[in-house]
């Protein structure tokens, strides 16, 4: 009997944990605080990841949370630091957010560089690209990036979010 109760309790706890973890991947959750809703969400709504000819929409978690369960769990643990700073009020005004924008962006870029833009590659793959349907300049740059082993974020830092005011382009 204790075994059965333990199994049922384990299933309920695991189910609750998994459900909450998936809830934290929703657009509604990501934009539930004003820091995100009033800044990066507004930028995202102007991007092709939000609205495009194909009608496919990538949400915050598609770009910022790995699909693989173990990598996703690691990302969620790292996100507790974001909650800590939410409580501290580190970016609770537009001015504070803009002052930290470059630092925050650099953390994301470093993570994407380290994992070979894993989240980008969940949807985008060189083998699925029609280079002949791209502009001549885009196709040339994409092929060069492929040949050089570049990762997506090296060229596409400002695809969705605006350039931080203190950012200095080194290339």
C-alpha atoms as a PDB file:
ATOM      1  CA  UNK A   1       0.000   0.000   0.000  1.00  0.00           C
ATOM      2  CA  UNK A   2       2.815   2.450   0.881  1.00  0.00           C
ATOM      3  CA  UNK A   3       4.430   1.648  -2.458  1.00  0.00           C
ATOM      4  CA  UNK A   4       1.251   2.490  -4.378  1.00  0.00           C
ATOM      5  CA  UNK A   5       0.752   5.747  -2.439  1.00  0.00           C
ATOM      6  CA  UNK A   6       4.393   6.626  -3.102  1.00  0.00           C
ATOM      7  CA  UNK A   7       4.003   5.926  -6.818  1.00  0.00           C
ATOM      8  CA  UNK A   8       0.824   7.997  -7.071  1.00  0.00           C
ATOM      9  CA  UNK A   9       2.420  10.854  -5.109  1.00  0.00           C
ATOM     10  CA  UNK A  10       5.495  10.658  -7.342  1.00  0.00           C
ATOM     11  CA  UNK A  11       3.371  10.817 -10.484  1.00  0.00           C
ATOM     12  CA  UNK A  12       1.422  13.796  -9.152  1.00  0.00           C
ATOM     13  CA  UNK A  13       4.594  15.641  -8.091  1.00  0.00           C
ATOM     14  CA  UNK A  14       6.353  14.869 -11.387  1.00  0.00           C
ATOM     15  CA  UNK A  15       3.274  15.873 -13.384  1.00  0.00           C
ATOM     16  CA  UNK A  16       2.970  19.148 -11.485  1.00  0.00           C
ATOM     17  CA  UNK A  17       6.670  19.898 -11.899  1.00  0.00           C
ATOM     18  CA  UNK A  18       6.600  19.130 -15.626  1.00  0.00           C
ATOM     19  CA  UNK A  19       3.399  21.138 -16.163  1.00  0.00           C
ATOM     20  CA  UNK A  20       4.837  24.170 -14.381  1.00  0.00           C
ATOM     21  CA  UNK A  21       8.113  23.887 -16.299  1.00  0.00           C
ATOM     22  CA  UNK A  22       6.185  23.876 -19.579  1.00  0.00           C
ATOM     23  CA  UNK A  23       4.023  26.791 -18.422  1.00  0.00           C
ATOM     24  CA  UNK A  24       7.191  28.846 -17.910  1.00  0.00           C
ATOM     25  CA  UNK A  25       7.864  28.369 -21.644  1.00  0.00           C
ATOM     26  CA  UNK A  26       4.688  30.163 -22.726  1.00  0.00           C
ATOM     27  CA  UNK A  27       4.594  33.636 -24.222  1.00  0.00           C
ATOM     28  CA  UNK A  28       2.068  34.625 -21.555  1.00  0.00           C
ATOM     29  CA  UNK A  29       4.512  33.699 -18.786  1.00  0.00           C
ATOM     30  CA  UNK A  30       7.474  35.398 -20.471  1.00  0.00           C
ATOM     31  CA  UNK A  31       5.583  38.656 -20.887  1.00  0.00           C
ATOM     32  CA  UNK A  32       3.851  38.587 -17.504  1.00  0.00           C
ATOM     33  CA  UNK A  33       6.339  41.016 -15.955  1.00  0.00           C
ATOM     34  CA  UNK A  34       6.450  44.591 -17.171  1.00  0.00           C
ATOM     35  CA  UNK A  35      10.227  44.474 -17.693  1.00  0.00           C
ATOM     36  CA  UNK A  36       9.778  42.030 -20.581  1.00  0.00           C
ATOM     37  CA  UNK A  37       6.318  43.148 -21.750  1.00  0.00           C
ATOM     38  CA  UNK A  38       7.342  46.793 -22.135  1.00  0.00           C
ATOM     39  CA  UNK A  39      10.774  46.259 -23.703  1.00  0.00           C
ATOM     40  CA  UNK A  40      11.912  43.132 -25.518  1.00  0.00           C
ATOM     41  CA  UNK A  41       8.371  41.902 -26.212  1.00  0.00           C
ATOM     42  CA  UNK A  42       7.616  45.123 -28.090  1.00  0.00           C
ATOM     43  CA  UNK A  43      10.780  44.602 -30.175  1.00  0.00           C
ATOM     44  CA  UNK A  44       9.887  40.963 -30.813  1.00  0.00           C
ATOM     45  CA  UNK A  45       6.422  41.959 -32.125  1.00  0.00           C
ATOM     46  CA  UNK A  46       8.161  43.931 -34.911  1.00  0.00           C
ATOM     47  CA  UNK A  47      10.354  40.994 -35.951  1.00  0.00           C
ATOM     48  CA  UNK A  48       9.891  38.252 -38.520  1.00  0.00           C
ATOM     49  CA  UNK A  49       9.883  35.731 -35.695  1.00  0.00           C
ATOM     50  CA  UNK A  50       6.529  37.220 -34.644  1.00  0.00           C
ATOM     51  CA  UNK A  51       4.870  37.856 -38.009  1.00  0.00           C
ATOM     52  CA  UNK A  52       6.014  36.596 -41.399  1.00  0.00           C
ATOM     53  CA  UNK A  53       4.710  35.313 -44.749  1.00  0.00           C
ATOM     54  CA  UNK A  54       4.730  31.656 -43.640  1.00  0.00           C
ATOM     55  CA  UNK A  55       2.695  32.314 -40.488  1.00  0.00           C
ATOM     56  CA  UNK A  56       5.155  30.395 -38.326  1.00  0.00           C
ATOM     57  CA  UNK A  57       5.774  32.156 -35.018  1.00  0.00           C
ATOM     58  CA  UNK A  58       8.749  31.531 -32.767  1.00  0.00           C
ATOM     59  CA  UNK A  59       8.114  32.511 -29.159  1.00  0.00           C
ATOM     60  CA  UNK A  60      10.569  33.502 -26.427  1.00  0.00           C
ATOM     61  CA  UNK A  61      11.179  29.921 -25.326  1.00  0.00           C
ATOM     62  CA  UNK A  62      11.885  28.755 -28.883  1.00  0.00           C
ATOM     63  CA  UNK A  63      14.967  30.994 -28.898  1.00  0.00           C
ATOM     64  CA  UNK A  64      15.907  31.055 -25.218  1.00  0.00           C
ATOM     65  CA  UNK A  65      15.089  27.565 -23.870  1.00  0.00           C
ATOM     66  CA  UNK A  66      16.618  24.328 -25.177  1.00  0.00           C
ATOM     67  CA  UNK A  67      14.292  21.536 -26.352  1.00  0.00           C
ATOM     68  CA  UNK A  68      16.445  18.763 -24.837  1.00  0.00           C
ATOM     69  CA  UNK A  69      15.102  18.028 -21.347  1.00  0.00           C
ATOM     70  CA  UNK A  70      18.414  18.025 -19.469  1.00  0.00           C
ATOM     71  CA  UNK A  71      19.604  21.238 -21.173  1.00  0.00           C
ATOM     72  CA  UNK A  72      16.163  22.761 -20.511  1.00  0.00           C
ATOM     73  CA  UNK A  73      16.463  21.906 -16.813  1.00  0.00           C
ATOM     74  CA  UNK A  74      19.904  23.549 -16.657  1.00  0.00           C
ATOM     75  CA  UNK A  75      18.468  26.679 -18.312  1.00  0.00           C
ATOM     76  CA  UNK A  76      15.583  26.780 -15.842  1.00  0.00           C
ATOM     77  CA  UNK A  77      18.006  26.534 -12.918  1.00  0.00           C
ATOM     78  CA  UNK A  78      20.007  29.427 -14.407  1.00  0.00           C
ATOM     79  CA  UNK A  79      16.749  31.367 -14.735  1.00  0.00           C
ATOM     80  CA  UNK A  80      16.421  31.432 -10.948  1.00  0.00           C
ATOM     81  CA  UNK A  81      19.084  34.158 -11.067  1.00  0.00           C
ATOM     82  CA  UNK A  82      16.689  36.186 -13.205  1.00  0.00           C
ATOM     83  CA  UNK A  83      13.988  35.750 -10.551  1.00  0.00           C
ATOM     84  CA  UNK A  84      16.449  36.890  -7.886  1.00  0.00           C
ATOM     85  CA  UNK A  85      17.136  40.073  -9.852  1.00  0.00           C
ATOM     86  CA  UNK A  86      13.406  40.549 -10.433  1.00  0.00           C
ATOM     87  CA  UNK A  87      12.940  40.578  -6.649  1.00  0.00           C
ATOM     88  CA  UNK A  88      15.885  42.976  -6.227  1.00  0.00           C
ATOM     89  CA  UNK A  89      14.445  45.312  -8.855  1.00  0.00           C
ATOM     90  CA  UNK A  90      17.640  45.298 -10.932  1.00  0.00           C
ATOM     91  CA  UNK A  91      15.793  46.124 -14.157  1.00  0.00           C
ATOM     92  CA  UNK A  92      12.403  47.315 -12.913  1.00  0.00           C
ATOM     93  CA  UNK A  93      12.451  50.631 -14.774  1.00  0.00           C
ATOM     94  CA  UNK A  94      13.104  51.302 -18.456  1.00  0.00           C
ATOM     95  CA  UNK A  95      16.244  53.222 -17.492  1.00  0.00           C
ATOM     96  CA  UNK A  96      17.623  50.348 -15.402  1.00  0.00           C
ATOM     97  CA  UNK A  97      16.794  47.884 -18.164  1.00  0.00           C
ATOM     98  CA  UNK A  98      18.561  49.951 -20.820  1.00  0.00           C
ATOM     99  CA  UNK A  99      21.582  50.372 -18.533  1.00  0.00           C
ATOM    100  CA  UNK A 100      21.868  46.554 -18.270  1.00  0.00           C
ATOM    101  CA  UNK A 101      20.740  45.680 -21.807  1.00  0.00           C
ATOM    102  CA  UNK A 102      24.265  45.145 -23.171  1.00  0.00           C
ATOM    103  CA  UNK A 103      25.305  42.991 -20.207  1.00  0.00           C
ATOM    104  CA  UNK A 104      22.147  40.874 -20.532  1.00  0.00           C
ATOM    105  CA  UNK A 105      22.552  40.551 -24.296  1.00  0.00           C
ATOM    106  CA  UNK A 106      26.187  39.513 -23.955  1.00  0.00           C
ATOM    107  CA  UNK A 107      25.178  36.706 -21.582  1.00  0.00           C
ATOM    108  CA  UNK A 108      22.670  35.405 -24.129  1.00  0.00           C
ATOM    109  CA  UNK A 109      25.130  35.763 -27.022  1.00  0.00           C
ATOM    110  CA  UNK A 110      27.850  33.901 -25.105  1.00  0.00           C
ATOM    111  CA  UNK A 111      25.466  31.056 -24.321  1.00  0.00           C
ATOM    112  CA  UNK A 112      24.351  30.844 -27.950  1.00  0.00           C
ATOM    113  CA  UNK A 113      27.952  30.966 -29.155  1.00  0.00           C
ATOM    114  CA  UNK A 114      28.897  28.184 -26.732  1.00  0.00           C
ATOM    115  CA  UNK A 115      26.073  25.899 -27.842  1.00  0.00           C
ATOM    116  CA  UNK A 116      26.442  26.602 -31.593  1.00  0.00           C
ATOM    117  CA  UNK A 117      23.129  28.500 -31.670  1.00  0.00           C
ATOM    118  CA  UNK A 118      21.321  25.287 -30.725  1.00  0.00           C
ATOM    119  CA  UNK A 119      17.930  26.963 -30.349  1.00  0.00           C
ATOM    120  CA  UNK A 120      18.209  28.634 -33.779  1.00  0.00           C
ATOM    121  CA  UNK A 121      19.024  25.267 -35.298  1.00  0.00           C
ATOM    122  CA  UNK A 122      15.863  23.727 -33.856  1.00  0.00           C
ATOM    123  CA  UNK A 123      14.054  25.527 -36.700  1.00  0.00           C
ATOM    124  CA  UNK A 124      16.773  26.630 -39.136  1.00  0.00           C
ATOM    125  CA  UNK A 125      19.163  24.283 -40.905  1.00  0.00           C
ATOM    126  CA  UNK A 126      21.637  24.922 -43.697  1.00  0.00           C
ATOM    127  CA  UNK A 127      20.517  21.689 -45.363  1.00  0.00           C
ATOM    128  CA  UNK A 128      16.937  23.016 -45.593  1.00  0.00           C
ATOM    129  CA  UNK A 129      17.831  26.444 -46.992  1.00  0.00           C
ATOM    130  CA  UNK A 130      17.070  27.404 -50.587  1.00  0.00           C
ATOM    131  CA  UNK A 131      20.120  29.566 -51.191  1.00  0.00           C
ATOM    132  CA  UNK A 132      18.854  30.232 -54.715  1.00  0.00           C
ATOM    133  CA  UNK A 133      15.720  31.902 -53.268  1.00  0.00           C
ATOM    134  CA  UNK A 134      17.755  34.244 -51.048  1.00  0.00           C
ATOM    135  CA  UNK A 135      19.094  37.552 -52.249  1.00  0.00           C
ATOM    136  CA  UNK A 136      22.503  37.186 -53.875  1.00  0.00           C
ATOM    137  CA  UNK A 137      24.181  38.989 -50.945  1.00  0.00           C
ATOM    138  CA  UNK A 138      22.375  36.911 -48.297  1.00  0.00           C
ATOM    139  CA  UNK A 139      23.159  33.623 -50.043  1.00  0.00           C
ATOM    140  CA  UNK A 140      26.830  34.598 -50.359  1.00  0.00           C
ATOM    141  CA  UNK A 141      27.069  35.515 -46.665  1.00  0.00           C
ATOM    142  CA  UNK A 142      25.194  32.396 -45.530  1.00  0.00           C
ATOM    143  CA  UNK A 143      27.421  30.135 -47.615  1.00  0.00           C
ATOM    144  CA  UNK A 144      30.535  31.898 -46.283  1.00  0.00           C
ATOM    145  CA  UNK A 145      29.257  31.460 -42.730  1.00  0.00           C
ATOM    146  CA  UNK A 146      28.684  27.781 -43.387  1.00  0.00           C
ATOM    147  CA  UNK A 147      32.175  27.361 -44.866  1.00  0.00           C
ATOM    148  CA  UNK A 148      33.735  29.223 -41.914  1.00  0.00           C
ATOM    149  CA  UNK A 149      31.799  27.205 -39.329  1.00  0.00           C
ATOM    150  CA  UNK A 150      30.108  30.294 -37.921  1.00  0.00           C
ATOM    151  CA  UNK A 151      27.191  30.013 -35.576  1.00  0.00           C
ATOM    152  CA  UNK A 152      23.947  31.920 -36.197  1.00  0.00           C
ATOM    153  CA  UNK A 153      24.393  34.476 -33.415  1.00  0.00           C
ATOM    154  CA  UNK A 154      27.682  35.736 -34.840  1.00  0.00           C
ATOM    155  CA  UNK A 155      25.805  37.444 -37.676  1.00  0.00           C
ATOM    156  CA  UNK A 156      22.238  37.703 -36.414  1.00  0.00           C
ATOM    157  CA  UNK A 157      22.534  39.427 -33.017  1.00  0.00           C
ATOM    158  CA  UNK A 158      19.903  42.056 -33.746  1.00  0.00           C
ATOM    159  CA  UNK A 159      17.381  39.979 -35.650  1.00  0.00           C
ATOM    160  CA  UNK A 160      14.709  40.269 -32.947  1.00  0.00           C
ATOM    161  CA  UNK A 161      15.937  42.676 -30.276  1.00  0.00           C
ATOM    162  CA  UNK A 162      17.426  46.122 -30.707  1.00  0.00           C
ATOM    163  CA  UNK A 163      21.110  46.920 -30.477  1.00  0.00           C
ATOM    164  CA  UNK A 164      22.206  47.951 -26.958  1.00  0.00           C
ATOM    165  CA  UNK A 165      23.304  51.581 -26.939  1.00  0.00           C
ATOM    166  CA  UNK A 166      26.833  50.755 -25.699  1.00  0.00           C
ATOM    167  CA  UNK A 167      27.415  47.954 -28.197  1.00  0.00           C
ATOM    168  CA  UNK A 168      30.521  48.375 -30.306  1.00  0.00           C
ATOM    169  CA  UNK A 169      30.696  46.280 -33.440  1.00  0.00           C
ATOM    170  CA  UNK A 170      34.093  44.598 -33.624  1.00  0.00           C
ATOM    171  CA  UNK A 171      33.698  43.378 -37.186  1.00  0.00           C
END
